[in-house]
Protein backbone atom coordinates (compact mmCIF):
# COMPACT_ATOMS: atom_id res chain seq x y z
CA UNK A 1 -126.20 150.88 -105.22
CA UNK A 2 -125.05 151.55 -108.32
CA UNK A 3 -122.17 149.16 -110.06
CA UNK A 4 -118.65 150.32 -109.30
CA UNK A 5 -116.59 149.99 -112.72
CA UNK A 6 -113.13 148.85 -111.02
CA UNK A 7 -114.97 145.89 -109.74
CA UNK A 8 -113.50 142.62 -110.74
CA UNK A 9 -115.24 138.98 -110.07
CA UNK A 10 -112.28 136.10 -110.19
CA UNK A 11 -111.95 132.55 -108.97
CA UNK A 12 -109.62 131.49 -106.72
CA UNK A 13 -109.41 127.63 -105.36
CA UNK A 14 -113.63 127.76 -106.09
CA UNK A 15 -114.31 130.55 -104.31
CA UNK A 16 -115.75 133.84 -105.76
CA UNK A 17 -114.17 136.99 -104.96
CA UNK A 18 -114.58 140.66 -106.11
CA UNK A 19 -111.75 142.39 -106.38
CA UNK A 20 -111.33 146.31 -107.36
CA UNK A 21 -108.79 147.10 -109.82
CA UNK A 22 -108.04 149.32 -112.48
CA UNK A 23 -106.29 146.82 -114.79
CA UNK A 24 -108.90 144.07 -115.08
CA UNK A 25 -106.23 141.55 -116.97
CA UNK A 26 -103.51 142.13 -114.37
CA UNK A 27 -106.12 141.70 -111.67
CA UNK A 28 -107.59 138.49 -113.32
CA UNK A 29 -103.89 137.24 -114.32
CA UNK A 30 -102.79 137.65 -111.06
CA UNK A 31 -105.84 135.71 -109.59
CA UNK A 32 -105.28 132.95 -111.83
CA UNK A 33 -101.53 132.43 -110.67
CA UNK A 34 -103.00 132.28 -107.03
CA UNK A 35 -105.45 129.60 -107.93
CA UNK A 36 -102.92 127.60 -110.06
CA UNK A 37 -100.68 128.11 -106.85
CA UNK A 38 -102.85 126.56 -104.53
CA UNK A 39 -104.21 124.04 -106.75
CA UNK A 40 -100.51 123.05 -106.96
CA UNK A 41 -100.14 123.06 -102.82
CA UNK A 42 -103.77 121.08 -102.60
CA UNK A 43 -102.40 118.48 -105.01
CA UNK A 44 -99.12 117.58 -103.33
CA UNK A 45 -100.13 118.29 -99.46
CA UNK A 46 -102.30 115.91 -97.60
CA UNK A 47 -104.77 118.65 -96.07
CA UNK A 48 -107.87 119.83 -97.72
CA UNK A 49 -108.33 123.05 -95.09
CA UNK A 50 -108.07 125.87 -97.57
CA UNK A 51 -106.72 128.15 -95.09
CA UNK A 52 -103.43 125.88 -94.89
CA UNK A 53 -103.33 125.86 -98.41
CA UNK A 54 -103.62 129.28 -98.79
CA UNK A 55 -100.83 129.93 -96.41
CA UNK A 56 -98.55 127.35 -98.27
CA UNK A 57 -99.16 128.62 -101.57
CA UNK A 58 -98.58 132.19 -100.47
CA UNK A 59 -95.23 130.67 -99.08
CA UNK A 60 -94.33 129.13 -102.25
CA UNK A 61 -94.88 132.53 -104.09
CA UNK A 62 -93.09 134.56 -101.65
CA UNK A 63 -90.32 131.73 -101.93
CA UNK A 64 -90.55 132.32 -105.78
CA UNK A 65 -90.66 136.12 -105.59
CA UNK A 66 -87.67 136.32 -103.03
CA UNK A 67 -85.30 133.92 -105.45
CA UNK A 68 -86.44 136.32 -108.57
CA UNK A 69 -85.37 139.29 -106.24
CA UNK A 70 -82.00 137.90 -105.73
CA UNK A 71 -81.36 136.79 -109.44
CA UNK A 72 -82.50 140.05 -110.26
CA UNK A 73 -80.24 141.59 -107.82
CA UNK A 74 -77.06 139.49 -108.84
CA UNK A 75 -77.82 139.91 -112.57
CA UNK A 76 -77.87 143.45 -112.57
CA UNK A 77 -74.72 143.74 -110.42
CA UNK A 78 -72.88 141.40 -112.84
CA UNK A 79 -73.85 143.84 -115.82
CA UNK A 80 -76.83 142.16 -117.34
CA UNK A 81 -79.34 144.38 -119.09
CA UNK A 82 -82.79 144.48 -118.25
CA UNK A 83 -84.33 142.63 -121.55
CA UNK A 84 -81.59 139.55 -120.16
CA UNK A 85 -83.48 139.82 -117.26
CA UNK A 86 -86.88 139.90 -118.54
CA UNK A 87 -86.23 136.69 -120.86
CA UNK A 88 -84.65 134.86 -117.94
CA UNK A 89 -87.86 135.48 -115.86
CA UNK A 90 -89.80 134.17 -118.94
CA UNK A 91 -87.73 130.97 -119.48
CA UNK A 92 -88.28 130.29 -115.35
CA UNK A 93 -91.82 131.21 -115.64
CA UNK A 94 -92.07 128.84 -118.54
CA UNK A 95 -90.49 125.90 -117.05
CA UNK A 96 -92.68 126.26 -113.55
CA UNK A 97 -95.82 125.90 -115.80
CA UNK A 98 -94.52 122.91 -117.09
CA UNK A 99 -93.09 121.62 -113.78
CA UNK A 100 -97.11 121.92 -112.44
CA UNK A 101 -98.72 120.84 -115.50
CA UNK A 102 -96.16 117.45 -115.01
CA UNK A 103 -96.98 117.45 -110.99
CA UNK A 104 -100.79 117.84 -112.07
CA UNK A 105 -100.57 114.80 -114.44
CA UNK A 106 -98.87 112.74 -111.84
CA UNK A 107 -101.45 113.51 -109.21
């Protein structure tokens, strides 16, 4: 069977997945985000069940997305520029990385 050029192999929470996409870097970045979130959830929780960790990580990511969408809608309605919104999103992402890094050190 011929190799699919769009196949991208990633590792998430110690499991290997073969995904399909046109932008390898983007898919790898998404996988790294999910892996990072799952590890943060596992470090905070009492469960070792990977399915439960995945669901809790998905809920955390959905919450982050909803909050960003709310902030984005509020910023746009108040007249902020797209560049300002991107700058804020980048800052929030950096803050999240710092918090997760500190939690990993403490855990």
